[in-house]
């Protein structure tokens, strides 16, 4: 088999990486690829997470949906989007696989028509904490059509698969689980619900409700919706608000928080609509959604 000629790792890329690592060590994490630098046009998202305490830059609707699902999971403590991979390692893997390493074709004229290698990234490196143990998972998101040669150019699909193979092998060498996600892993109703539910963060700090009273509200919500299952969500919230002498806004805030934090066993795969009844799950284990 003919050996693939690889692009060149120039000192400029190494210096860029060193500066990036110094910056995140000093100021905290930031993605290697910004929305402005990406090839995404019009579908990028900037999402502030109260869980991680920073804004996350997601480059597609699919990445944003995956982010919402991962952010909610109790053991997830951080999500590092557009995470850079060590270019020397990915180049070694590309050589071993006889696969062309990603490059910046448009910049070749700056280097006397020599192709410069570019740093590869993983869409999300997810950090989980179980008791005192930390572990990570690497997620690559692709729309399924980009992996289907009947819907996308076979040449393009082959190239995408080769890039994924480099990325997968990279994380294998790091002993980190690699997960290939597509939009088929994502439930639209769930994502819609999570976008609604996570807004409790905006109001929770403003309402003066103790942790003990919050538990009382949560239990009352459960009792009302369980015993009067024909009530719409709006009717149930209004009823609980009157019974506990709180505002409907306060009640809705605790309602959203309780579902988001898995305290109310609500079926989040069914669209939450205020003028429709609430649907519970039979088994609490069904409440937590994992991708991969």
C-alpha atoms as a PDB file:
ATOM      1  CA  UNK A   1       0.000   0.000   0.000  1.00  0.00           C
ATOM      2  CA  UNK A   2       1.269   3.456  -0.916  1.00  0.00           C
ATOM      3  CA  UNK A   3       2.295   5.548   2.063  1.00  0.00           C
ATOM      4  CA  UNK A   4       0.203   8.695   2.587  1.00  0.00           C
ATOM      5  CA  UNK A   5       2.234  11.906   2.613  1.00  0.00           C
ATOM      6  CA  UNK A   6       1.337  13.749   5.797  1.00  0.00           C
ATOM      7  CA  UNK A   7       1.015  17.522   6.338  1.00  0.00           C
ATOM      8  CA  UNK A   8       3.730  19.193   8.364  1.00  0.00           C
ATOM      9  CA  UNK A   9       3.512  20.221  12.004  1.00  0.00           C
ATOM     10  CA  UNK A  10       4.928  23.734  12.009  1.00  0.00           C
ATOM     11  CA  UNK A  11       6.340  25.475  15.055  1.00  0.00           C
ATOM     12  CA  UNK A  12       3.527  28.041  14.857  1.00  0.00           C
ATOM     13  CA  UNK A  13       0.972  25.344  15.773  1.00  0.00           C
ATOM     14  CA  UNK A  14       3.125  24.159  18.677  1.00  0.00           C
ATOM     15  CA  UNK A  15       3.506  27.709  20.005  1.00  0.00           C
ATOM     16  CA  UNK A  16      -0.246  28.280  19.614  1.00  0.00           C
ATOM     17  CA  UNK A  17      -0.891  25.162  21.699  1.00  0.00           C
ATOM     18  CA  UNK A  18       1.568  26.222  24.409  1.00  0.00           C
ATOM     19  CA  UNK A  19      -0.049  29.655  24.657  1.00  0.00           C
ATOM     20  CA  UNK A  20      -3.507  28.078  24.803  1.00  0.00           C
ATOM     21  CA  UNK A  21      -2.496  25.743  27.662  1.00  0.00           C
ATOM     22  CA  UNK A  22      -0.998  28.641  29.624  1.00  0.00           C
ATOM     23  CA  UNK A  23      -4.167  30.674  29.130  1.00  0.00           C
ATOM     24  CA  UNK A  24      -6.548  27.988  30.355  1.00  0.00           C
ATOM     25  CA  UNK A  25      -4.253  27.247  33.298  1.00  0.00           C
ATOM     26  CA  UNK A  26      -4.535  30.897  34.281  1.00  0.00           C
ATOM     27  CA  UNK A  27      -8.105  31.796  33.310  1.00  0.00           C
ATOM     28  CA  UNK A  28      -9.978  28.486  33.142  1.00  0.00           C
ATOM     29  CA  UNK A  29     -11.150  26.382  30.233  1.00  0.00           C
ATOM     30  CA  UNK A  30     -12.096  27.773  26.859  1.00  0.00           C
ATOM     31  CA  UNK A  31     -12.730  25.814  23.645  1.00  0.00           C
ATOM     32  CA  UNK A  32      -9.913  25.446  21.135  1.00  0.00           C
ATOM     33  CA  UNK A  33     -12.291  26.382  18.311  1.00  0.00           C
ATOM     34  CA  UNK A  34     -14.510  29.421  18.801  1.00  0.00           C
ATOM     35  CA  UNK A  35     -17.857  29.945  17.072  1.00  0.00           C
ATOM     36  CA  UNK A  36     -16.282  32.688  14.961  1.00  0.00           C
ATOM     37  CA  UNK A  37     -13.441  30.406  13.833  1.00  0.00           C
ATOM     38  CA  UNK A  38     -15.674  27.440  13.020  1.00  0.00           C
ATOM     39  CA  UNK A  39     -17.189  26.640   9.649  1.00  0.00           C
ATOM     40  CA  UNK A  40     -20.669  26.715  11.188  1.00  0.00           C
ATOM     41  CA  UNK A  41     -23.006  29.357   9.819  1.00  0.00           C
ATOM     42  CA  UNK A  42     -26.163  30.277  11.738  1.00  0.00           C
ATOM     43  CA  UNK A  43     -26.606  27.124  13.851  1.00  0.00           C
ATOM     44  CA  UNK A  44     -24.050  27.721  16.592  1.00  0.00           C
ATOM     45  CA  UNK A  45     -25.135  28.128  20.220  1.00  0.00           C
ATOM     46  CA  UNK A  46     -23.659  29.867  23.246  1.00  0.00           C
ATOM     47  CA  UNK A  47     -25.184  28.390  26.387  1.00  0.00           C
ATOM     48  CA  UNK A  48     -24.461  29.524  29.930  1.00  0.00           C
ATOM     49  CA  UNK A  49     -24.389  26.653  32.412  1.00  0.00           C
ATOM     50  CA  UNK A  50     -25.034  27.364  36.076  1.00  0.00           C
ATOM     51  CA  UNK A  51     -23.614  23.915  36.777  1.00  0.00           C
ATOM     52  CA  UNK A  52     -20.175  24.633  35.297  1.00  0.00           C
ATOM     53  CA  UNK A  53     -20.294  28.393  35.792  1.00  0.00           C
ATOM     54  CA  UNK A  54     -19.297  29.347  32.260  1.00  0.00           C
ATOM     55  CA  UNK A  55     -20.637  29.800  28.739  1.00  0.00           C
ATOM     56  CA  UNK A  56     -20.296  26.846  26.373  1.00  0.00           C
ATOM     57  CA  UNK A  57     -19.836  27.253  22.627  1.00  0.00           C
ATOM     58  CA  UNK A  58     -21.637  24.550  20.656  1.00  0.00           C
ATOM     59  CA  UNK A  59     -21.282  24.435  16.898  1.00  0.00           C
ATOM     60  CA  UNK A  60     -24.607  22.838  15.876  1.00  0.00           C
ATOM     61  CA  UNK A  61     -28.145  22.144  17.063  1.00  0.00           C
ATOM     62  CA  UNK A  62     -27.106  18.528  17.602  1.00  0.00           C
ATOM     63  CA  UNK A  63     -24.174  19.460  19.826  1.00  0.00           C
ATOM     64  CA  UNK A  64     -26.452  21.791  21.812  1.00  0.00           C
ATOM     65  CA  UNK A  65     -29.032  19.034  22.296  1.00  0.00           C
ATOM     66  CA  UNK A  66     -26.351  16.610  23.458  1.00  0.00           C
ATOM     67  CA  UNK A  67     -25.045  19.277  25.843  1.00  0.00           C
ATOM     68  CA  UNK A  68     -28.466  19.764  27.458  1.00  0.00           C
ATOM     69  CA  UNK A  69     -28.791  16.020  28.090  1.00  0.00           C
ATOM     70  CA  UNK A  70     -25.284  15.638  29.512  1.00  0.00           C
ATOM     71  CA  UNK A  71     -25.494  18.774  31.651  1.00  0.00           C
ATOM     72  CA  UNK A  72     -28.501  17.407  33.534  1.00  0.00           C
ATOM     73  CA  UNK A  73     -26.893  14.099  34.485  1.00  0.00           C
ATOM     74  CA  UNK A  74     -26.108  14.117  38.231  1.00  0.00           C
ATOM     75  CA  UNK A  75     -22.534  12.814  37.969  1.00  0.00           C
ATOM     76  CA  UNK A  76     -21.446  15.242  35.230  1.00  0.00           C
ATOM     77  CA  UNK A  77     -19.389  18.070  36.740  1.00  0.00           C
ATOM     78  CA  UNK A  78     -17.903  19.615  33.589  1.00  0.00           C
ATOM     79  CA  UNK A  79     -18.223  19.575  29.811  1.00  0.00           C
ATOM     80  CA  UNK A  80     -15.151  20.680  27.857  1.00  0.00           C
ATOM     81  CA  UNK A  81     -16.347  21.457  24.344  1.00  0.00           C
ATOM     82  CA  UNK A  82     -14.070  21.606  21.277  1.00  0.00           C
ATOM     83  CA  UNK A  83     -11.349  19.923  23.311  1.00  0.00           C
ATOM     84  CA  UNK A  84      -7.933  19.919  21.565  1.00  0.00           C
ATOM     85  CA  UNK A  85      -5.996  16.704  20.993  1.00  0.00           C
ATOM     86  CA  UNK A  86      -2.226  16.517  21.171  1.00  0.00           C
ATOM     87  CA  UNK A  87      -1.132  17.029  17.561  1.00  0.00           C
ATOM     88  CA  UNK A  88       2.013  14.902  17.882  1.00  0.00           C
ATOM     89  CA  UNK A  89      -0.098  11.953  19.067  1.00  0.00           C
ATOM     90  CA  UNK A  90      -2.775  12.331  16.399  1.00  0.00           C
ATOM     91  CA  UNK A  91      -0.053  12.562  13.747  1.00  0.00           C
ATOM     92  CA  UNK A  92       1.516   9.320  15.009  1.00  0.00           C
ATOM     93  CA  UNK A  93      -1.880   7.633  14.794  1.00  0.00           C
ATOM     94  CA  UNK A  94      -2.497   8.995  11.291  1.00  0.00           C
ATOM     95  CA  UNK A  95       0.855   7.597  10.165  1.00  0.00           C
ATOM     96  CA  UNK A  96       0.092   4.214  11.753  1.00  0.00           C
ATOM     97  CA  UNK A  97      -3.328   4.108  10.090  1.00  0.00           C
ATOM     98  CA  UNK A  98      -1.895   5.457   6.821  1.00  0.00           C
ATOM     99  CA  UNK A  99      -4.585   8.148   6.951  1.00  0.00           C
ATOM    100  CA  UNK A 100      -4.148  11.771   5.967  1.00  0.00           C
ATOM    101  CA  UNK A 101      -4.013  13.965   9.072  1.00  0.00           C
ATOM    102  CA  UNK A 102      -6.335  17.018   9.045  1.00  0.00           C
ATOM    103  CA  UNK A 103      -4.654  20.126   7.678  1.00  0.00           C
ATOM    104  CA  UNK A 104      -5.354  23.775   6.890  1.00  0.00           C
ATOM    105  CA  UNK A 105      -5.383  23.656   3.092  1.00  0.00           C
ATOM    106  CA  UNK A 106      -6.148  27.373   2.727  1.00  0.00           C
ATOM    107  CA  UNK A 107      -3.011  28.298   4.690  1.00  0.00           C
ATOM    108  CA  UNK A 108      -0.572  26.372   2.480  1.00  0.00           C
ATOM    109  CA  UNK A 109       0.617  29.528   0.682  1.00  0.00           C
ATOM    110  CA  UNK A 110       1.922  30.866   3.988  1.00  0.00           C
ATOM    111  CA  UNK A 111       4.239  27.857   4.131  1.00  0.00           C
ATOM    112  CA  UNK A 112       5.544  27.793   0.538  1.00  0.00           C
ATOM    113  CA  UNK A 113       2.716  25.463  -0.534  1.00  0.00           C
ATOM    114  CA  UNK A 114       3.539  22.964   2.212  1.00  0.00           C
ATOM    115  CA  UNK A 115       0.333  21.801   3.911  1.00  0.00           C
ATOM    116  CA  UNK A 116       0.280  22.708   7.625  1.00  0.00           C
ATOM    117  CA  UNK A 117      -1.194  20.117   9.987  1.00  0.00           C
ATOM    118  CA  UNK A 118      -3.932  21.403  12.269  1.00  0.00           C
ATOM    119  CA  UNK A 119      -4.888  20.438  15.794  1.00  0.00           C
ATOM    120  CA  UNK A 120      -7.832  18.034  15.951  1.00  0.00           C
ATOM    121  CA  UNK A 121     -10.592  18.440  18.505  1.00  0.00           C
ATOM    122  CA  UNK A 122     -13.203  16.320  20.242  1.00  0.00           C
ATOM    123  CA  UNK A 123     -16.677  17.855  20.397  1.00  0.00           C
ATOM    124  CA  UNK A 124     -17.054  17.268  24.145  1.00  0.00           C
ATOM    125  CA  UNK A 125     -14.871  15.814  26.864  1.00  0.00           C
ATOM    126  CA  UNK A 126     -17.283  15.073  29.699  1.00  0.00           C
ATOM    127  CA  UNK A 127     -15.965  14.889  33.256  1.00  0.00           C
ATOM    128  CA  UNK A 128     -17.920  12.717  35.684  1.00  0.00           C
ATOM    129  CA  UNK A 129     -17.538  12.349  39.439  1.00  0.00           C
ATOM    130  CA  UNK A 130     -18.675   9.247  41.311  1.00  0.00           C
ATOM    131  CA  UNK A 131     -17.969   9.705  45.018  1.00  0.00           C
ATOM    132  CA  UNK A 132     -14.327  10.860  44.990  1.00  0.00           C
ATOM    133  CA  UNK A 133     -13.405   9.284  41.671  1.00  0.00           C
ATOM    134  CA  UNK A 134     -13.181  11.302  38.464  1.00  0.00           C
ATOM    135  CA  UNK A 135     -13.461   9.804  35.011  1.00  0.00           C
ATOM    136  CA  UNK A 136     -13.978  11.208  31.535  1.00  0.00           C
ATOM    137  CA  UNK A 137     -15.799  10.313  28.329  1.00  0.00           C
ATOM    138  CA  UNK A 138     -15.121  11.719  24.872  1.00  0.00           C
ATOM    139  CA  UNK A 139     -18.111  12.492  22.628  1.00  0.00           C
ATOM    140  CA  UNK A 140     -18.005  13.064  18.900  1.00  0.00           C
ATOM    141  CA  UNK A 141     -21.250  14.356  17.375  1.00  0.00           C
ATOM    142  CA  UNK A 142     -22.093  13.865  13.719  1.00  0.00           C
ATOM    143  CA  UNK A 143     -25.392  14.056  11.890  1.00  0.00           C
ATOM    144  CA  UNK A 144     -26.195  10.555  10.681  1.00  0.00           C
ATOM    145  CA  UNK A 145     -26.363  11.607   7.038  1.00  0.00           C
ATOM    146  CA  UNK A 146     -22.675  12.573   7.167  1.00  0.00           C
ATOM    147  CA  UNK A 147     -21.935   8.914   7.930  1.00  0.00           C
ATOM    148  CA  UNK A 148     -24.306   7.520   5.280  1.00  0.00           C
ATOM    149  CA  UNK A 149     -22.855   7.145   1.770  1.00  0.00           C
ATOM    150  CA  UNK A 150     -26.385   6.951   0.300  1.00  0.00           C
ATOM    151  CA  UNK A 151     -27.108  10.491   1.517  1.00  0.00           C
ATOM    152  CA  UNK A 152     -23.669  12.091   1.409  1.00  0.00           C
ATOM    153  CA  UNK A 153     -20.783  11.785  -1.030  1.00  0.00           C
ATOM    154  CA  UNK A 154     -18.991   8.441  -0.407  1.00  0.00           C
ATOM    155  CA  UNK A 155     -15.669  10.289  -0.578  1.00  0.00           C
ATOM    156  CA  UNK A 156     -16.825  12.719   2.112  1.00  0.00           C
ATOM    157  CA  UNK A 157     -18.159   9.887   4.291  1.00  0.00           C
ATOM    158  CA  UNK A 158     -14.893   7.963   3.960  1.00  0.00           C
ATOM    159  CA  UNK A 159     -12.892  11.021   4.957  1.00  0.00           C
ATOM    160  CA  UNK A 160     -15.149  11.673   7.954  1.00  0.00           C
ATOM    161  CA  UNK A 161     -14.820   8.061   9.091  1.00  0.00           C
ATOM    162  CA  UNK A 162     -11.031   8.241   8.842  1.00  0.00           C
ATOM    163  CA  UNK A 163     -10.950  11.354  11.015  1.00  0.00           C
ATOM    164  CA  UNK A 164     -13.191   9.620  13.551  1.00  0.00           C
ATOM    165  CA  UNK A 165     -10.864   6.597  13.505  1.00  0.00           C
ATOM    166  CA  UNK A 166      -7.931   8.832  14.474  1.00  0.00           C
ATOM    167  CA  UNK A 167      -9.975  10.403  17.253  1.00  0.00           C
ATOM    168  CA  UNK A 168     -11.214   7.043  18.535  1.00  0.00           C
ATOM    169  CA  UNK A 169      -7.681   5.629  18.642  1.00  0.00           C
ATOM    170  CA  UNK A 170      -6.436   8.769  20.400  1.00  0.00           C
ATOM    171  CA  UNK A 171      -8.867   8.279  23.271  1.00  0.00           C
ATOM    172  CA  UNK A 172      -8.116   4.564  23.365  1.00  0.00           C
ATOM    173  CA  UNK A 173      -4.469   5.408  24.048  1.00  0.00           C
ATOM    174  CA  UNK A 174      -5.678   7.759  26.814  1.00  0.00           C
ATOM    175  CA  UNK A 175      -7.885   4.961  28.235  1.00  0.00           C
ATOM    176  CA  UNK A 176     -10.934   7.154  27.908  1.00  0.00           C
ATOM    177  CA  UNK A 177     -14.242   5.890  26.540  1.00  0.00           C
ATOM    178  CA  UNK A 178     -15.093   7.282  23.100  1.00  0.00           C
ATOM    179  CA  UNK A 179     -18.758   7.699  22.167  1.00  0.00           C
ATOM    180  CA  UNK A 180     -20.024   8.426  18.680  1.00  0.00           C
ATOM    181  CA  UNK A 181     -23.316  10.316  18.932  1.00  0.00           C
ATOM    182  CA  UNK A 182     -25.773  11.320  16.217  1.00  0.00           C
ATOM    183  CA  UNK A 183     -29.135  13.059  16.263  1.00  0.00           C
ATOM    184  CA  UNK A 184     -30.687   9.574  16.511  1.00  0.00           C
ATOM    185  CA  UNK A 185     -29.433   9.472  20.118  1.00  0.00           C
ATOM    186  CA  UNK A 186     -31.360  12.638  20.932  1.00  0.00           C
ATOM    187  CA  UNK A 187     -35.049  12.885  21.795  1.00  0.00           C
ATOM    188  CA  UNK A 188     -36.589  16.174  20.637  1.00  0.00           C
ATOM    189  CA  UNK A 189     -39.231  16.284  23.367  1.00  0.00           C
ATOM    190  CA  UNK A 190     -36.612  15.640  26.035  1.00  0.00           C
ATOM    191  CA  UNK A 191     -34.383  18.449  24.767  1.00  0.00           C
ATOM    192  CA  UNK A 192     -37.344  20.842  24.494  1.00  0.00           C
ATOM    193  CA  UNK A 193     -38.266  20.000  28.090  1.00  0.00           C
ATOM    194  CA  UNK A 194     -34.724  20.436  29.396  1.00  0.00           C
ATOM    195  CA  UNK A 195     -34.483  23.897  27.806  1.00  0.00           C
ATOM    196  CA  UNK A 196     -37.685  24.818  29.686  1.00  0.00           C
ATOM    197  CA  UNK A 197     -36.786  23.126  32.980  1.00  0.00           C
ATOM    198  CA  UNK A 198     -33.255  24.487  33.336  1.00  0.00           C
ATOM    199  CA  UNK A 199     -34.638  28.056  33.370  1.00  0.00           C
ATOM    200  CA  UNK A 200     -35.422  27.529  37.054  1.00  0.00           C
ATOM    201  CA  UNK A 201     -31.844  28.745  37.635  1.00  0.00           C
ATOM    202  CA  UNK A 202     -32.887  32.233  36.504  1.00  0.00           C
ATOM    203  CA  UNK A 203     -35.465  32.617  39.294  1.00  0.00           C
ATOM    204  CA  UNK A 204     -34.333  30.284  42.065  1.00  0.00           C
ATOM    205  CA  UNK A 205     -31.914  32.736  43.688  1.00  0.00           C
ATOM    206  CA  UNK A 206     -34.644  35.386  43.833  1.00  0.00           C
ATOM    207  CA  UNK A 207     -37.283  33.337  45.638  1.00  0.00           C
ATOM    208  CA  UNK A 208     -37.038  33.122  49.422  1.00  0.00           C
ATOM    209  CA  UNK A 209     -37.832  29.446  50.022  1.00  0.00           C
ATOM    210  CA  UNK A 210     -35.961  27.236  52.482  1.00  0.00           C
ATOM    211  CA  UNK A 211     -34.719  23.757  51.582  1.00  0.00           C
ATOM    212  CA  UNK A 212     -37.251  22.210  53.980  1.00  0.00           C
ATOM    213  CA  UNK A 213     -40.173  24.132  52.482  1.00  0.00           C
ATOM    214  CA  UNK A 214     -38.923  23.249  49.004  1.00  0.00           C
ATOM    215  CA  UNK A 215     -39.327  19.565  49.939  1.00  0.00           C
ATOM    216  CA  UNK A 216     -42.867  20.289  51.139  1.00  0.00           C
ATOM    217  CA  UNK A 217     -43.695  21.932  47.788  1.00  0.00           C
ATOM    218  CA  UNK A 218     -42.181  19.031  45.857  1.00  0.00           C
ATOM    219  CA  UNK A 219     -44.186  16.478  47.849  1.00  0.00           C
ATOM    220  CA  UNK A 220     -47.387  18.485  47.437  1.00  0.00           C
ATOM    221  CA  UNK A 221     -46.814  18.704  43.665  1.00  0.00           C
ATOM    222  CA  UNK A 222     -46.357  14.947  43.538  1.00  0.00           C
ATOM    223  CA  UNK A 223     -49.492  14.274  45.586  1.00  0.00           C
ATOM    224  CA  UNK A 224     -51.676  16.668  43.586  1.00  0.00           C
ATOM    225  CA  UNK A 225     -50.604  15.467  40.150  1.00  0.00           C
ATOM    226  CA  UNK A 226     -50.782  11.811  41.214  1.00  0.00           C
ATOM    227  CA  UNK A 227     -54.225  11.965  42.797  1.00  0.00           C
ATOM    228  CA  UNK A 228     -55.766  14.414  40.308  1.00  0.00           C
ATOM    229  CA  UNK A 229     -54.134  13.247  37.102  1.00  0.00           C
ATOM    230  CA  UNK A 230     -56.702  14.985  34.878  1.00  0.00           C
ATOM    231  CA  UNK A 231     -55.417  18.385  35.963  1.00  0.00           C
ATOM    232  CA  UNK A 232     -53.335  20.305  33.471  1.00  0.00           C
ATOM    233  CA  UNK A 233     -49.862  21.391  34.609  1.00  0.00           C
ATOM    234  CA  UNK A 234     -51.077  24.980  34.900  1.00  0.00           C
ATOM    235  CA  UNK A 235     -54.101  23.967  37.004  1.00  0.00           C
ATOM    236  CA  UNK A 236     -51.935  21.824  39.268  1.00  0.00           C
ATOM    237  CA  UNK A 237     -49.445  24.628  39.826  1.00  0.00           C
ATOM    238  CA  UNK A 238     -52.224  27.076  40.641  1.00  0.00           C
ATOM    239  CA  UNK A 239     -53.809  24.626  43.087  1.00  0.00           C
ATOM    240  CA  UNK A 240     -50.551  23.920  44.929  1.00  0.00           C
ATOM    241  CA  UNK A 241     -49.727  27.631  45.046  1.00  0.00           C
ATOM    242  CA  UNK A 242     -53.073  28.379  46.755  1.00  0.00           C
ATOM    243  CA  UNK A 243     -52.738  25.442  49.184  1.00  0.00           C
ATOM    244  CA  UNK A 244     -49.227  26.463  50.271  1.00  0.00           C
ATOM    245  CA  UNK A 245     -49.745  30.226  50.087  1.00  0.00           C
ATOM    246  CA  UNK A 246     -47.007  30.880  47.540  1.00  0.00           C
ATOM    247  CA  UNK A 247     -47.087  32.543  44.138  1.00  0.00           C
ATOM    248  CA  UNK A 248     -47.632  30.524  40.972  1.00  0.00           C
ATOM    249  CA  UNK A 249     -44.213  31.746  39.796  1.00  0.00           C
ATOM    250  CA  UNK A 250     -42.551  30.351  42.935  1.00  0.00           C
ATOM    251  CA  UNK A 251     -44.461  27.105  42.539  1.00  0.00           C
ATOM    252  CA  UNK A 252     -43.454  26.753  38.892  1.00  0.00           C
ATOM    253  CA  UNK A 253     -39.816  27.431  39.747  1.00  0.00           C
ATOM    254  CA  UNK A 254     -39.753  24.584  42.296  1.00  0.00           C
ATOM    255  CA  UNK A 255     -41.749  22.413  39.875  1.00  0.00           C
ATOM    256  CA  UNK A 256     -39.070  22.865  37.191  1.00  0.00           C
ATOM    257  CA  UNK A 257     -36.207  22.408  39.653  1.00  0.00           C
ATOM    258  CA  UNK A 258     -37.744  19.239  41.123  1.00  0.00           C
ATOM    259  CA  UNK A 259     -38.144  17.620  37.705  1.00  0.00           C
ATOM    260  CA  UNK A 260     -34.716  18.746  36.499  1.00  0.00           C
ATOM    261  CA  UNK A 261     -33.064  17.301  39.617  1.00  0.00           C
ATOM    262  CA  UNK A 262     -34.999  14.004  39.363  1.00  0.00           C
ATOM    263  CA  UNK A 263     -37.019  14.653  42.529  1.00  0.00           C
ATOM    264  CA  UNK A 264     -40.333  14.456  40.661  1.00  0.00           C
ATOM    265  CA  UNK A 265     -40.531  11.249  38.588  1.00  0.00           C
ATOM    266  CA  UNK A 266     -41.878  12.937  35.458  1.00  0.00           C
ATOM    267  CA  UNK A 267     -41.708  11.438  31.966  1.00  0.00           C
ATOM    268  CA  UNK A 268     -39.504  13.960  30.190  1.00  0.00           C
ATOM    269  CA  UNK A 269     -39.796  12.090  26.895  1.00  0.00           C
ATOM    270  CA  UNK A 270     -43.310  13.470  26.656  1.00  0.00           C
ATOM    271  CA  UNK A 271     -43.590  17.176  25.829  1.00  0.00           C
ATOM    272  CA  UNK A 272     -44.372  19.314  28.885  1.00  0.00           C
ATOM    273  CA  UNK A 273     -47.227  21.651  27.935  1.00  0.00           C
ATOM    274  CA  UNK A 274     -48.850  23.849  30.570  1.00  0.00           C
ATOM    275  CA  UNK A 275     -52.401  23.231  29.331  1.00  0.00           C
ATOM    276  CA  UNK A 276     -51.974  19.433  29.313  1.00  0.00           C
ATOM    277  CA  UNK A 277     -51.780  16.859  32.156  1.00  0.00           C
ATOM    278  CA  UNK A 278     -48.459  15.667  33.581  1.00  0.00           C
ATOM    279  CA  UNK A 279     -47.118  12.192  32.859  1.00  0.00           C
ATOM    280  CA  UNK A 280     -45.136  10.288  35.498  1.00  0.00           C
ATOM    281  CA  UNK A 281     -42.717   7.401  34.970  1.00  0.00           C
ATOM    282  CA  UNK A 282     -43.293   4.077  36.682  1.00  0.00           C
ATOM    283  CA  UNK A 283     -39.640   3.476  37.558  1.00  0.00           C
ATOM    284  CA  UNK A 284     -37.270   6.139  38.865  1.00  0.00           C
ATOM    285  CA  UNK A 285     -34.399   4.558  36.874  1.00  0.00           C
ATOM    286  CA  UNK A 286     -36.181   5.600  33.700  1.00  0.00           C
ATOM    287  CA  UNK A 287     -35.660   9.247  34.592  1.00  0.00           C
ATOM    288  CA  UNK A 288     -31.910   9.420  33.934  1.00  0.00           C
ATOM    289  CA  UNK A 289     -30.940   9.594  30.274  1.00  0.00           C
ATOM    290  CA  UNK A 290     -27.517   8.486  29.073  1.00  0.00           C
ATOM    291  CA  UNK A 291     -26.163   8.783  25.566  1.00  0.00           C
ATOM    292  CA  UNK A 292     -23.943   6.140  24.032  1.00  0.00           C
END
